C-alpha atoms as a PDB file:
ATOM      1  CA  UNK A   1      -1.586  11.513 113.562  1.00  0.00           C
ATOM      2  CA  UNK A   2      -5.233  10.447 113.549  1.00  0.00           C
ATOM      3  CA  UNK A   3      -7.546  10.337 110.435  1.00  0.00           C
ATOM      4  CA  UNK A   4      -9.648  13.209 112.063  1.00  0.00           C
ATOM      5  CA  UNK A   5      -7.174  15.471 110.454  1.00  0.00           C
ATOM      6  CA  UNK A   6      -9.095  15.141 107.373  1.00  0.00           C
ATOM      7  CA  UNK A   7     -11.775  17.070 109.020  1.00  0.00           C
ATOM      8  CA  UNK A   8      -9.516  19.380 111.042  1.00  0.00           C
ATOM      9  CA  UNK A   9      -9.830  22.938 109.777  1.00  0.00           C
ATOM     10  CA  UNK A  10      -6.336  23.702 110.949  1.00  0.00           C
ATOM     11  CA  UNK A  11      -5.000  21.524 108.234  1.00  0.00           C
ATOM     12  CA  UNK A  12      -5.398  21.044 104.523  1.00  0.00           C
ATOM     13  CA  UNK A  13      -4.761  17.794 102.653  1.00  0.00           C
ATOM     14  CA  UNK A  14      -2.821  17.682  99.413  1.00  0.00           C
ATOM     15  CA  UNK A  15      -6.014  17.398  97.421  1.00  0.00           C
ATOM     16  CA  UNK A  16      -7.653  20.428  99.162  1.00  0.00           C
ATOM     17  CA  UNK A  17      -4.430  22.355  98.445  1.00  0.00           C
ATOM     18  CA  UNK A  18      -4.706  21.357  94.823  1.00  0.00           C
ATOM     19  CA  UNK A  19      -8.327  22.607  94.675  1.00  0.00           C
ATOM     20  CA  UNK A  20      -7.624  25.853  96.425  1.00  0.00           C
ATOM     21  CA  UNK A  21      -4.366  26.850  94.987  1.00  0.00           C
ATOM     22  CA  UNK A  22      -3.550  24.636  91.989  1.00  0.00           C
ATOM     23  CA  UNK A  23      -0.284  23.137  93.530  1.00  0.00           C
ATOM     24  CA  UNK A  24      -0.051  19.547  92.547  1.00  0.00           C
ATOM     25  CA  UNK A  25       0.952  16.725  94.700  1.00  0.00           C
ATOM     26  CA  UNK A  26       3.982  16.184  92.476  1.00  0.00           C
ATOM     27  CA  UNK A  27       5.125  19.636  93.336  1.00  0.00           C
ATOM     28  CA  UNK A  28       4.478  19.307  97.026  1.00  0.00           C
ATOM     29  CA  UNK A  29       6.405  15.911  97.051  1.00  0.00           C
ATOM     30  CA  UNK A  30       9.510  17.868  95.185  1.00  0.00           C
ATOM     31  CA  UNK A  31       9.397  20.563  97.705  1.00  0.00           C
ATOM     32  CA  UNK A  32       9.544  17.961 100.400  1.00  0.00           C
ATOM     33  CA  UNK A  33      12.298  15.910  98.644  1.00  0.00           C
ATOM     34  CA  UNK A  34      14.673  18.851  98.263  1.00  0.00           C
ATOM     35  CA  UNK A  35      13.952  20.355 101.830  1.00  0.00           C
ATOM     36  CA  UNK A  36      12.265  23.330 100.863  1.00  0.00           C
ATOM     37  CA  UNK A  37       9.047  22.594 102.827  1.00  0.00           C
ATOM     38  CA  UNK A  38       8.445  19.297 104.631  1.00  0.00           C
ATOM     39  CA  UNK A  39       4.865  19.287 106.370  1.00  0.00           C
ATOM     40  CA  UNK A  40       5.063  18.277 109.995  1.00  0.00           C
ATOM     41  CA  UNK A  41       1.887  16.403 109.975  1.00  0.00           C
ATOM     42  CA  UNK A  42       1.494  13.012 108.326  1.00  0.00           C
ATOM     43  CA  UNK A  43      -0.895  10.152 108.461  1.00  0.00           C
ATOM     44  CA  UNK A  44       0.996   7.483 110.178  1.00  0.00           C
ATOM     45  CA  UNK A  45      -0.641   4.625 108.226  1.00  0.00           C
ATOM     46  CA  UNK A  46      -0.662   5.822 104.446  1.00  0.00           C
ATOM     47  CA  UNK A  47       1.750   8.876 104.658  1.00  0.00           C
ATOM     48  CA  UNK A  48      -0.507  11.443 103.536  1.00  0.00           C
ATOM     49  CA  UNK A  49       0.625  14.964 104.071  1.00  0.00           C
ATOM     50  CA  UNK A  50      -1.359  17.579 105.872  1.00  0.00           C
ATOM     51  CA  UNK A  51      -0.356  21.078 105.666  1.00  0.00           C
ATOM     52  CA  UNK A  52      -0.856  23.665 108.538  1.00  0.00           C
ATOM     53  CA  UNK A  53      -1.963  27.241 107.881  1.00  0.00           C
ATOM     54  CA  UNK A  54       1.562  28.569 108.576  1.00  0.00           C
ATOM     55  CA  UNK A  55       2.954  25.878 106.099  1.00  0.00           C
ATOM     56  CA  UNK A  56       0.400  27.028 103.528  1.00  0.00           C
ATOM     57  CA  UNK A  57       1.603  30.736 104.000  1.00  0.00           C
ATOM     58  CA  UNK A  58       4.976  29.301 103.050  1.00  0.00           C
ATOM     59  CA  UNK A  59       3.508  27.581  99.987  1.00  0.00           C
ATOM     60  CA  UNK A  60       2.099  31.072  98.988  1.00  0.00           C
ATOM     61  CA  UNK A  61       5.468  32.552  99.579  1.00  0.00           C
ATOM     62  CA  UNK A  62       7.155  29.928  97.484  1.00  0.00           C
ATOM     63  CA  UNK A  63       4.673  30.530  94.523  1.00  0.00           C
ATOM     64  CA  UNK A  64       5.168  34.327  94.772  1.00  0.00           C
ATOM     65  CA  UNK A  65       8.943  34.031  94.610  1.00  0.00           C
ATOM     66  CA  UNK A  66       8.622  31.565  91.794  1.00  0.00           C
ATOM     67  CA  UNK A  67       6.513  34.047  89.725  1.00  0.00           C
ATOM     68  CA  UNK A  68       9.093  36.727  90.393  1.00  0.00           C
ATOM     69  CA  UNK A  69      11.626  34.216  88.833  1.00  0.00           C
ATOM     70  CA  UNK A  70      13.478  33.287  91.898  1.00  0.00           C
ATOM     71  CA  UNK A  71      15.036  29.859  91.714  1.00  0.00           C
ATOM     72  CA  UNK A  72      14.164  27.235  94.296  1.00  0.00           C
ATOM     73  CA  UNK A  73      17.443  27.017  95.709  1.00  0.00           C
ATOM     74  CA  UNK A  74      17.511  30.805  96.487  1.00  0.00           C
ATOM     75  CA  UNK A  75      14.062  30.551  97.912  1.00  0.00           C
ATOM     76  CA  UNK A  76      15.582  27.810 100.350  1.00  0.00           C
ATOM     77  CA  UNK A  77      18.049  30.506 101.442  1.00  0.00           C
ATOM     78  CA  UNK A  78      15.341  32.961 102.210  1.00  0.00           C
ATOM     79  CA  UNK A  79      13.375  30.225 104.423  1.00  0.00           C
ATOM     80  CA  UNK A  80      16.538  29.143 106.179  1.00  0.00           C
ATOM     81  CA  UNK A  81      17.926  32.524 106.993  1.00  0.00           C
ATOM     82  CA  UNK A  82      18.553  33.147 110.626  1.00  0.00           C
ATOM     83  CA  UNK A  83      17.827  36.831 110.813  1.00  0.00           C
ATOM     84  CA  UNK A  84      16.161  39.795 108.939  1.00  0.00           C
ATOM     85  CA  UNK A  85      19.823  41.109 108.393  1.00  0.00           C
ATOM     86  CA  UNK A  86      20.466  37.973 106.211  1.00  0.00           C
ATOM     87  CA  UNK A  87      17.477  38.401 104.160  1.00  0.00           C
ATOM     88  CA  UNK A  88      18.204  41.828 102.974  1.00  0.00           C
ATOM     89  CA  UNK A  89      21.241  41.057 101.020  1.00  0.00           C
ATOM     90  CA  UNK A  90      19.375  37.992  99.472  1.00  0.00           C
ATOM     91  CA  UNK A  91      16.677  40.480  98.066  1.00  0.00           C
ATOM     92  CA  UNK A  92      19.522  42.728  96.760  1.00  0.00           C
ATOM     93  CA  UNK A  93      21.159  39.935  94.975  1.00  0.00           C
ATOM     94  CA  UNK A  94      17.939  38.745  93.278  1.00  0.00           C
ATOM     95  CA  UNK A  95      17.024  42.468  92.182  1.00  0.00           C
ATOM     96  CA  UNK A  96      20.499  42.786  90.714  1.00  0.00           C
ATOM     97  CA  UNK A  97      20.053  39.779  88.794  1.00  0.00           C
ATOM     98  CA  UNK A  98      16.528  40.967  87.455  1.00  0.00           C
ATOM     99  CA  UNK A  99      17.983  44.133  86.544  1.00  0.00           C
ATOM    100  CA  UNK A 100      20.359  42.419  84.273  1.00  0.00           C
ATOM    101  CA  UNK A 101      17.748  40.334  82.915  1.00  0.00           C
ATOM    102  CA  UNK A 102      15.739  43.605  82.032  1.00  0.00           C
ATOM    103  CA  UNK A 103      18.722  45.325  80.554  1.00  0.00           C
ATOM    104  CA  UNK A 104      19.408  42.195  78.120  1.00  0.00           C
ATOM    105  CA  UNK A 105      15.766  42.099  77.262  1.00  0.00           C
ATOM    106  CA  UNK A 106      15.802  45.804  76.493  1.00  0.00           C
ATOM    107  CA  UNK A 107      18.946  45.268  74.297  1.00  0.00           C
ATOM    108  CA  UNK A 108      17.196  42.507  72.346  1.00  0.00           C
ATOM    109  CA  UNK A 109      14.167  44.538  71.906  1.00  0.00           C
ATOM    110  CA  UNK A 110      16.279  47.455  70.716  1.00  0.00           C
ATOM    111  CA  UNK A 111      18.094  45.279  68.204  1.00  0.00           C
ATOM    112  CA  UNK A 112      14.771  43.827  66.692  1.00  0.00           C
ATOM    113  CA  UNK A 113      13.277  47.406  66.359  1.00  0.00           C
ATOM    114  CA  UNK A 114      16.412  48.657  64.644  1.00  0.00           C
ATOM    115  CA  UNK A 115      16.471  45.925  62.349  1.00  0.00           C
ATOM    116  CA  UNK A 116      12.778  46.134  61.406  1.00  0.00           C
ATOM    117  CA  UNK A 117      13.417  49.880  60.946  1.00  0.00           C
ATOM    118  CA  UNK A 118      16.101  49.043  58.194  1.00  0.00           C
ATOM    119  CA  UNK A 119      13.710  46.770  56.326  1.00  0.00           C
ATOM    120  CA  UNK A 120      10.999  49.579  56.461  1.00  0.00           C
ATOM    121  CA  UNK A 121      13.633  52.050  55.241  1.00  0.00           C
ATOM    122  CA  UNK A 122      14.759  49.624  52.580  1.00  0.00           C
ATOM    123  CA  UNK A 123      11.489  48.882  51.128  1.00  0.00           C
ATOM    124  CA  UNK A 124      10.651  52.565  51.121  1.00  0.00           C
ATOM    125  CA  UNK A 125      13.881  53.559  49.203  1.00  0.00           C
ATOM    126  CA  UNK A 126      13.298  50.510  46.692  1.00  0.00           C
ATOM    127  CA  UNK A 127      10.014  52.005  45.546  1.00  0.00           C
ATOM    128  CA  UNK A 128      11.407  55.500  45.329  1.00  0.00           C
ATOM    129  CA  UNK A 129      10.947  56.705  41.647  1.00  0.00           C
ATOM    130  CA  UNK A 130      14.126  58.641  41.258  1.00  0.00           C
ATOM    131  CA  UNK A 131      17.469  58.111  42.985  1.00  0.00           C
ATOM    132  CA  UNK A 132      18.689  61.454  44.584  1.00  0.00           C
ATOM    133  CA  UNK A 133      21.767  63.100  45.997  1.00  0.00           C
ATOM    134  CA  UNK A 134      21.806  64.957  49.149  1.00  0.00           C
ATOM    135  CA  UNK A 135      24.202  66.520  51.693  1.00  0.00           C
ATOM    136  CA  UNK A 136      23.496  65.387  55.255  1.00  0.00           C
ATOM    137  CA  UNK A 137      25.029  64.948  58.694  1.00  0.00           C
ATOM    138  CA  UNK A 138      26.228  61.491  59.321  1.00  0.00           C
ATOM    139  CA  UNK A 139      25.681  60.845  63.158  1.00  0.00           C
ATOM    140  CA  UNK A 140      28.575  59.431  65.254  1.00  0.00           C
ATOM    141  CA  UNK A 141      28.023  55.623  65.982  1.00  0.00           C
ATOM    142  CA  UNK A 142      29.985  53.465  68.219  1.00  0.00           C
ATOM    143  CA  UNK A 143      31.048  50.314  66.371  1.00  0.00           C
ATOM    144  CA  UNK A 144      32.828  47.070  66.468  1.00  0.00           C
ATOM    145  CA  UNK A 145      35.493  47.268  63.799  1.00  0.00           C
ATOM    146  CA  UNK A 146      37.705  44.911  61.605  1.00  0.00           C
ATOM    147  CA  UNK A 147      40.349  45.692  59.272  1.00  0.00           C
ATOM    148  CA  UNK A 148      40.407  44.122  55.890  1.00  0.00           C
ATOM    149  CA  UNK A 149      41.698  44.714  52.268  1.00  0.00           C
ATOM    150  CA  UNK A 150      39.977  45.237  49.022  1.00  0.00           C
ATOM    151  CA  UNK A 151      42.014  43.485  46.453  1.00  0.00           C
ATOM    152  CA  UNK A 152      41.311  43.563  42.608  1.00  0.00           C
ATOM    153  CA  UNK A 153      37.475  44.215  43.370  1.00  0.00           C
ATOM    154  CA  UNK A 154      37.417  41.223  46.034  1.00  0.00           C
ATOM    155  CA  UNK A 155      37.114  41.864  49.796  1.00  0.00           C
ATOM    156  CA  UNK A 156      39.325  39.838  51.844  1.00  0.00           C
ATOM    157  CA  UNK A 157      39.035  39.863  55.471  1.00  0.00           C
ATOM    158  CA  UNK A 158      41.846  39.650  57.671  1.00  0.00           C
ATOM    159  CA  UNK A 159      39.869  38.366  60.743  1.00  0.00           C
ATOM    160  CA  UNK A 160      36.278  37.724  61.515  1.00  0.00           C
ATOM    161  CA  UNK A 161      33.854  40.312  62.623  1.00  0.00           C
ATOM    162  CA  UNK A 162      31.401  37.718  63.537  1.00  0.00           C
ATOM    163  CA  UNK A 163      33.922  36.178  66.010  1.00  0.00           C
ATOM    164  CA  UNK A 164      34.456  39.252  67.503  1.00  0.00           C
ATOM    165  CA  UNK A 165      30.776  39.815  67.919  1.00  0.00           C
ATOM    166  CA  UNK A 166      30.510  36.234  69.622  1.00  0.00           C
ATOM    167  CA  UNK A 167      33.416  37.002  71.778  1.00  0.00           C
ATOM    168  CA  UNK A 168      31.916  40.159  73.091  1.00  0.00           C
ATOM    169  CA  UNK A 169      28.382  38.897  73.042  1.00  0.00           C
ATOM    170  CA  UNK A 170      27.313  41.579  70.694  1.00  0.00           C
ATOM    171  CA  UNK A 171      24.183  40.886  68.788  1.00  0.00           C
ATOM    172  CA  UNK A 172      23.272  42.524  65.425  1.00  0.00           C
ATOM    173  CA  UNK A 173      22.213  45.998  65.806  1.00  0.00           C
ATOM    174  CA  UNK A 174      21.316  48.209  62.866  1.00  0.00           C
ATOM    175  CA  UNK A 175      23.222  48.405  59.625  1.00  0.00           C
ATOM    176  CA  UNK A 176      26.644  47.047  58.899  1.00  0.00           C
ATOM    177  CA  UNK A 177      29.050  49.699  57.519  1.00  0.00           C
ATOM    178  CA  UNK A 178      32.093  49.445  55.148  1.00  0.00           C
ATOM    179  CA  UNK A 179      34.824  52.276  55.364  1.00  0.00           C
ATOM    180  CA  UNK A 180      37.137  52.752  52.421  1.00  0.00           C
ATOM    181  CA  UNK A 181      40.083  55.039  52.582  1.00  0.00           C
ATOM    182  CA  UNK A 182      39.727  55.760  48.926  1.00  0.00           C
ATOM    183  CA  UNK A 183      36.482  56.160  46.964  1.00  0.00           C
ATOM    184  CA  UNK A 184      38.006  55.239  43.633  1.00  0.00           C
ATOM    185  CA  UNK A 185      38.174  51.679  45.145  1.00  0.00           C
ATOM    186  CA  UNK A 186      36.183  50.416  42.084  1.00  0.00           C
ATOM    187  CA  UNK A 187      39.070  51.171  39.855  1.00  0.00           C
ATOM    188  CA  UNK A 188      40.766  48.118  38.015  1.00  0.00           C
ATOM    189  CA  UNK A 189      43.491  46.490  40.062  1.00  0.00           C
ATOM    190  CA  UNK A 190      45.197  47.524  43.188  1.00  0.00           C
ATOM    191  CA  UNK A 191      44.504  47.022  46.741  1.00  0.00           C
ATOM    192  CA  UNK A 192      43.562  49.046  49.771  1.00  0.00           C
ATOM    193  CA  UNK A 193      42.953  48.951  53.417  1.00  0.00           C
ATOM    194  CA  UNK A 194      39.351  49.205  54.383  1.00  0.00           C
ATOM    195  CA  UNK A 195      37.407  48.708  57.642  1.00  0.00           C
ATOM    196  CA  UNK A 196      34.047  46.766  58.184  1.00  0.00           C
ATOM    197  CA  UNK A 197      32.037  48.273  61.183  1.00  0.00           C
ATOM    198  CA  UNK A 198      28.920  46.970  62.943  1.00  0.00           C
ATOM    199  CA  UNK A 199      26.936  49.336  65.093  1.00  0.00           C
ATOM    200  CA  UNK A 200      26.816  48.619  68.880  1.00  0.00           C
ATOM    201  CA  UNK A 201      23.696  49.231  70.910  1.00  0.00           C
ATOM    202  CA  UNK A 202      24.232  52.174  73.035  1.00  0.00           C
ATOM    203  CA  UNK A 203      23.598  50.069  75.983  1.00  0.00           C
ATOM    204  CA  UNK A 204      26.520  47.710  75.375  1.00  0.00           C
ATOM    205  CA  UNK A 205      29.364  49.824  74.142  1.00  0.00           C
ATOM    206  CA  UNK A 206      30.744  51.202  77.471  1.00  0.00           C
ATOM    207  CA  UNK A 207      31.766  47.468  78.390  1.00  0.00           C
ATOM    208  CA  UNK A 208      33.888  46.815  75.471  1.00  0.00           C
ATOM    209  CA  UNK A 209      36.575  48.242  73.236  1.00  0.00           C
ATOM    210  CA  UNK A 210      34.775  50.096  70.455  1.00  0.00           C
ATOM    211  CA  UNK A 211      35.563  52.453  67.470  1.00  0.00           C
ATOM    212  CA  UNK A 212      33.737  55.399  66.282  1.00  0.00           C
ATOM    213  CA  UNK A 213      32.414  56.199  62.879  1.00  0.00           C
ATOM    214  CA  UNK A 214      30.737  59.217  61.369  1.00  0.00           C
ATOM    215  CA  UNK A 215      30.026  62.604  62.950  1.00  0.00           C
ATOM    216  CA  UNK A 216      30.859  64.395  59.700  1.00  0.00           C
ATOM    217  CA  UNK A 217      29.000  65.863  56.725  1.00  0.00           C
ATOM    218  CA  UNK A 218      28.669  63.694  53.710  1.00  0.00           C
ATOM    219  CA  UNK A 219      27.242  63.591  50.112  1.00  0.00           C
ATOM    220  CA  UNK A 220      24.903  60.843  50.008  1.00  0.00           C
ATOM    221  CA  UNK A 221      22.948  58.590  47.323  1.00  0.00           C
ATOM    222  CA  UNK A 222      21.209  55.251  47.364  1.00  0.00           C
ATOM    223  CA  UNK A 223      22.351  52.259  45.165  1.00  0.00           C
ATOM    224  CA  UNK A 224      19.711  49.635  44.596  1.00  0.00           C
ATOM    225  CA  UNK A 225      20.512  45.982  43.886  1.00  0.00           C
ATOM    226  CA  UNK A 226      23.732  44.001  43.803  1.00  0.00           C
ATOM    227  CA  UNK A 227      26.952  45.803  44.623  1.00  0.00           C
ATOM    228  CA  UNK A 228      28.424  44.558  41.410  1.00  0.00           C
ATOM    229  CA  UNK A 229      27.433  47.767  39.755  1.00  0.00           C
ATOM    230  CA  UNK A 230      27.894  50.022  42.646  1.00  0.00           C
ATOM    231  CA  UNK A 231      30.752  51.845  41.022  1.00  0.00           C
ATOM    232  CA  UNK A 232      28.058  53.402  38.588  1.00  0.00           C
ATOM    233  CA  UNK A 233      26.401  55.032  41.582  1.00  0.00           C
ATOM    234  CA  UNK A 234      29.710  56.288  42.880  1.00  0.00           C
ATOM    235  CA  UNK A 235      30.391  57.825  39.597  1.00  0.00           C
ATOM    236  CA  UNK A 236      26.912  59.702  39.574  1.00  0.00           C
ATOM    237  CA  UNK A 237      27.547  60.860  43.151  1.00  0.00           C
ATOM    238  CA  UNK A 238      31.174  62.185  42.342  1.00  0.00           C
ATOM    239  CA  UNK A 239      29.925  64.057  39.280  1.00  0.00           C
ATOM    240  CA  UNK A 240      27.057  65.558  41.170  1.00  0.00           C
ATOM    241  CA  UNK A 241      29.573  66.659  43.998  1.00  0.00           C
ATOM    242  CA  UNK A 242      31.646  68.191  41.571  1.00  0.00           C
ATOM    243  CA  UNK A 243      28.926  70.351  39.987  1.00  0.00           C
ATOM    244  CA  UNK A 244      28.050  71.567  43.391  1.00  0.00           C
ATOM    245  CA  UNK A 245      31.373  72.738  43.918  1.00  0.00           C
ATOM    246  CA  UNK A 246      31.966  70.276  46.968  1.00  0.00           C
ATOM    247  CA  UNK A 247      35.424  69.026  47.990  1.00  0.00           C
ATOM    248  CA  UNK A 248      35.509  65.304  48.886  1.00  0.00           C
ATOM    249  CA  UNK A 249      37.941  64.095  51.740  1.00  0.00           C
ATOM    250  CA  UNK A 250      38.673  60.935  49.451  1.00  0.00           C
ATOM    251  CA  UNK A 251      37.356  58.171  51.726  1.00  0.00           C
ATOM    252  CA  UNK A 252      34.108  56.561  51.455  1.00  0.00           C
ATOM    253  CA  UNK A 253      31.387  54.917  53.781  1.00  0.00           C
ATOM    254  CA  UNK A 254      28.715  52.251  52.596  1.00  0.00           C
ATOM    255  CA  UNK A 255      25.943  51.583  54.860  1.00  0.00           C
ATOM    256  CA  UNK A 256      24.126  48.304  53.900  1.00  0.00           C
ATOM    257  CA  UNK A 257      20.424  48.925  54.746  1.00  0.00           C
ATOM    258  CA  UNK A 258      19.241  45.734  52.981  1.00  0.00           C
ATOM    259  CA  UNK A 259      21.880  42.948  52.205  1.00  0.00           C
ATOM    260  CA  UNK A 260      22.325  39.176  52.388  1.00  0.00           C
ATOM    261  CA  UNK A 261      21.877  39.252  56.166  1.00  0.00           C
ATOM    262  CA  UNK A 262      18.195  40.094  55.490  1.00  0.00           C
ATOM    263  CA  UNK A 263      17.346  38.589  52.203  1.00  0.00           C
ATOM    264  CA  UNK A 264      19.049  36.456  49.606  1.00  0.00           C
ATOM    265  CA  UNK A 265      17.679  38.162  46.513  1.00  0.00           C
ATOM    266  CA  UNK A 266      20.366  40.618  45.486  1.00  0.00           C
ATOM    267  CA  UNK A 267      17.663  42.624  43.533  1.00  0.00           C
ATOM    268  CA  UNK A 268      16.365  43.665  46.825  1.00  0.00           C
ATOM    269  CA  UNK A 269      19.753  45.116  48.182  1.00  0.00           C
ATOM    270  CA  UNK A 270      19.834  48.777  49.434  1.00  0.00           C
ATOM    271  CA  UNK A 271      23.113  50.553  49.961  1.00  0.00           C
ATOM    272  CA  UNK A 272      23.728  54.098  50.877  1.00  0.00           C
ATOM    273  CA  UNK A 273      26.881  55.632  49.541  1.00  0.00           C
ATOM    274  CA  UNK A 274      28.379  58.425  51.641  1.00  0.00           C
ATOM    275  CA  UNK A 275      31.251  60.597  50.655  1.00  0.00           C
ATOM    276  CA  UNK A 276      32.531  62.729  53.578  1.00  0.00           C
ATOM    277  CA  UNK A 277      33.158  66.427  52.666  1.00  0.00           C
ATOM    278  CA  UNK A 278      35.995  68.813  53.482  1.00  0.00           C
ATOM    279  CA  UNK A 279      34.875  71.230  56.145  1.00  0.00           C
ATOM    280  CA  UNK A 280      35.201  74.983  54.956  1.00  0.00           C
ATOM    281  CA  UNK A 281      37.577  76.863  56.944  1.00  0.00           C
END
């Protein structure tokens, strides 16, 4: 090819492409090396590349696909398809992948918002002047659940909820719950079965085995600070329910609004105690 290609309006040099479209010589060489786009016109003496307008149109398509997040290998599949019929499923595959990415990003965003809301709730409750008691409806939640035992005031896990989270690829979402089959767990001695629950993002639970918690009426109060003295808050709540003439089922649920997963200072911990009530017949 003769040097007059430098002045030929049908072709652009690599330098002109960079000026117009900010595509570097390094990038153009890489496209050539992997067989994505190799210009047909080259200077026979120095090997300079010159791109026709059809090849530049392909460069624009590559840039468009890359901005849409399509890998170069898949872009090659588009370029080397033999018919329009072959191209349609390529688009469908990419769209399916993008839908998964969007869903995963939405899950991550929901999880961050849920955690932030717990911090906001915990900070509000920490500065509330008086602890109060109330009757409320606990919503039904879907959870990952792990059985464990509570022996002489110490929680002994029989498995690892963290391992289960990793195995099922479940990130933290909302509060962690502890379910006890007897609200007198703070008594001296003895052991009992209990269950640790981690709420699952509603976008995730359909694809894994999960448990359900809640969907009941409870008597509730807030315990502030370390859970070492949480039995005092239990005692006050049990006394209050008695005065209200309420009948307890006998089990208990603790919701950890602020705990060690959020901050190291036990003085900042916020725990909701919920005692399910027997429904009147």
